């Protein structure tokens, strides 16, 4: 079993809000990104996603409702729900989402993951295939924020 230092990986990303796919389990991708306080425009997606705040705070607007997700909390954003990131969101965010329709190949994903792991001296977990793309789903119709225990 290999361990990935999620906080360090996020801190070493070249740009805030640019994610790195740490691995894939079935059709779900596990990504990490660094939030830097800047807002992001509204968006929605075809599949639901889970947003887990590892450290800091994610300030969202989901269907016009403000939702603050703090370290140790996870927000489930249902498919088709419009959401945006408010200014002041800072820290480390892990996103779990369906990546089965992604536009990159498994070979590209594995090559990127190996390069990232090598540069960080971080092992890639067995059975996972890293890559890098980011999609954010909308939070609204049924947005759930729950403590991660």
Protein backbone atom coordinates (compact mmCIF):
# COMPACT_ATOMS: atom_id res chain seq x y z
CA UNK A 1 0.00 0.00 0.00
CA UNK A 2 1.25 3.48 -0.90
CA UNK A 3 0.40 6.75 0.77
CA UNK A 4 -0.06 10.13 -0.94
CA UNK A 5 0.54 13.30 1.07
CA UNK A 6 -2.53 15.22 -0.13
CA UNK A 7 -1.62 18.54 1.52
CA UNK A 8 1.92 18.54 0.16
CA UNK A 9 0.73 17.50 -3.30
CA UNK A 10 -1.75 20.40 -3.36
CA UNK A 11 0.86 22.86 -2.10
CA UNK A 12 3.26 21.83 -4.88
CA UNK A 13 0.78 22.20 -7.74
CA UNK A 14 1.94 24.87 -10.21
CA UNK A 15 -1.29 26.88 -10.01
CA UNK A 16 -4.21 27.27 -7.64
CA UNK A 17 -7.52 25.82 -8.85
CA UNK A 18 -5.66 23.49 -11.23
CA UNK A 19 -6.25 19.94 -10.05
CA UNK A 20 -4.22 16.78 -10.21
CA UNK A 21 -5.91 13.42 -10.57
CA UNK A 22 -4.39 11.31 -7.81
CA UNK A 23 -6.10 8.10 -8.79
CA UNK A 24 -9.05 6.33 -10.27
CA UNK A 25 -11.32 3.75 -8.65
CA UNK A 26 -13.79 2.38 -11.17
CA UNK A 27 -15.15 5.41 -13.00
CA UNK A 28 -14.50 7.77 -10.08
CA UNK A 29 -11.48 10.05 -10.11
CA UNK A 30 -9.91 11.37 -6.91
CA UNK A 31 -8.38 14.81 -7.46
CA UNK A 32 -6.66 17.37 -5.29
CA UNK A 33 -6.31 21.12 -5.74
CA UNK A 34 -5.21 24.20 -3.88
CA UNK A 35 -7.69 27.01 -3.24
CA UNK A 36 -6.18 30.52 -3.12
CA UNK A 37 -9.02 32.84 -2.20
CA UNK A 38 -10.08 33.74 -5.74
CA UNK A 39 -13.72 33.24 -6.79
CA UNK A 40 -14.74 30.95 -9.66
CA UNK A 41 -17.73 31.53 -11.97
CA UNK A 42 -20.93 29.46 -11.82
CA UNK A 43 -20.89 26.03 -13.45
CA UNK A 44 -22.76 22.73 -13.50
CA UNK A 45 -21.96 19.18 -14.56
CA UNK A 46 -23.59 16.02 -15.83
CA UNK A 47 -22.49 13.94 -12.83
CA UNK A 48 -22.53 14.47 -9.08
CA UNK A 49 -19.29 15.18 -7.21
CA UNK A 50 -18.04 15.08 -3.64
CA UNK A 51 -16.02 18.05 -2.38
CA UNK A 52 -13.93 17.23 0.73
CA UNK A 53 -12.13 20.11 2.42
CA UNK A 54 -8.90 18.74 3.88
CA UNK A 55 -7.78 22.08 5.30
CA UNK A 56 -9.16 25.60 5.11
CA UNK A 57 -12.64 26.52 3.90
CA UNK A 58 -14.61 26.27 0.65
CA UNK A 59 -17.17 29.05 0.24
CA UNK A 60 -19.84 28.06 -2.29
CA UNK A 61 -23.03 29.47 -3.71
CA UNK A 62 -25.33 26.64 -4.73
CA UNK A 63 -28.59 27.51 -6.45
CA UNK A 64 -28.30 30.95 -4.88
CA UNK A 65 -27.69 29.62 -1.36
CA UNK A 66 -24.35 30.25 0.35
CA UNK A 67 -22.71 27.12 1.75
CA UNK A 68 -19.47 27.16 3.76
CA UNK A 69 -17.64 23.84 3.89
CA UNK A 70 -14.90 23.71 6.53
CA UNK A 71 -11.93 21.41 7.09
CA UNK A 72 -13.15 17.90 7.78
CA UNK A 73 -16.48 18.48 6.02
CA UNK A 74 -17.65 17.16 2.67
CA UNK A 75 -20.28 18.59 0.36
CA UNK A 76 -22.08 16.36 -2.12
CA UNK A 77 -23.11 18.31 -5.22
CA UNK A 78 -25.77 16.64 -7.32
CA UNK A 79 -25.63 16.49 -11.12
CA UNK A 80 -27.06 19.48 -13.00
CA UNK A 81 -26.94 21.87 -10.05
CA UNK A 82 -25.38 25.30 -10.70
CA UNK A 83 -22.76 26.42 -8.19
CA UNK A 84 -19.91 28.90 -7.89
CA UNK A 85 -16.96 29.45 -5.57
CA UNK A 86 -17.01 32.67 -3.55
CA UNK A 87 -13.88 34.66 -2.77
CA UNK A 88 -12.17 33.64 0.45
CA UNK A 89 -12.00 29.92 -0.31
CA UNK A 90 -8.55 28.79 0.78
CA UNK A 91 -6.81 25.52 1.60
CA UNK A 92 -6.77 21.99 0.20
CA UNK A 93 -9.74 20.43 -1.57
CA UNK A 94 -10.22 16.81 -2.67
CA UNK A 95 -12.79 16.22 -5.42
CA UNK A 96 -14.29 12.80 -6.19
CA UNK A 97 -16.21 12.66 -9.45
CA UNK A 98 -17.08 10.48 -12.41
CA UNK A 99 -14.32 10.73 -14.99
CA UNK A 100 -15.50 8.01 -17.35
CA UNK A 101 -16.15 10.53 -20.13
CA UNK A 102 -12.84 12.39 -19.72
CA UNK A 103 -11.03 13.37 -22.91
CA UNK A 104 -7.59 11.98 -21.98
CA UNK A 105 -6.28 8.46 -22.45
CA UNK A 106 -5.20 6.09 -19.65
CA UNK A 107 -1.64 6.25 -21.00
CA UNK A 108 -1.58 10.06 -20.72
CA UNK A 109 -3.04 9.84 -17.22
CA UNK A 110 -0.47 7.30 -16.05
CA UNK A 111 2.43 9.25 -17.57
CA UNK A 112 1.34 12.47 -15.87
CA UNK A 113 0.81 10.73 -12.56
CA UNK A 114 4.20 9.07 -12.65
CA UNK A 115 5.93 12.36 -13.49
CA UNK A 116 4.11 14.14 -10.66
CA UNK A 117 4.85 11.35 -8.18
CA UNK A 118 8.50 11.26 -9.20
CA UNK A 119 8.90 15.01 -8.79
CA UNK A 120 7.32 14.84 -5.34
CA UNK A 121 8.82 11.49 -4.38
CA UNK A 122 5.29 10.35 -3.67
CA UNK A 123 4.24 6.84 -4.50
CA UNK A 124 1.13 6.34 -6.60
CA UNK A 125 -1.32 4.05 -4.83
CA UNK A 126 -1.66 0.59 -6.36
CA UNK A 127 -4.65 0.28 -8.65
CA UNK A 128 -4.97 4.04 -9.09
CA UNK A 129 -4.19 5.98 -12.23
CA UNK A 130 -3.49 9.69 -11.75
CA UNK A 131 -4.12 12.52 -14.20
CA UNK A 132 -5.09 16.14 -14.24
CA UNK A 133 -8.32 17.81 -15.08
CA UNK A 134 -10.89 19.60 -13.03
CA UNK A 135 -14.65 19.65 -13.17
CA UNK A 136 -16.88 21.16 -10.57
CA UNK A 137 -20.49 20.23 -10.19
CA UNK A 138 -23.29 22.42 -9.07
CA UNK A 139 -24.62 22.21 -5.57
CA UNK A 140 -28.26 22.81 -5.19
CA UNK A 141 -31.25 20.63 -5.49
CA UNK A 142 -29.78 18.25 -3.04
CA UNK A 143 -26.60 19.58 -1.62
CA UNK A 144 -25.42 17.82 1.48
CA UNK A 145 -22.67 19.03 3.79
CA UNK A 146 -21.53 16.47 6.29
CA UNK A 147 -18.58 16.06 8.69
CA UNK A 148 -16.02 13.58 7.49
CA UNK A 149 -15.28 11.11 10.26
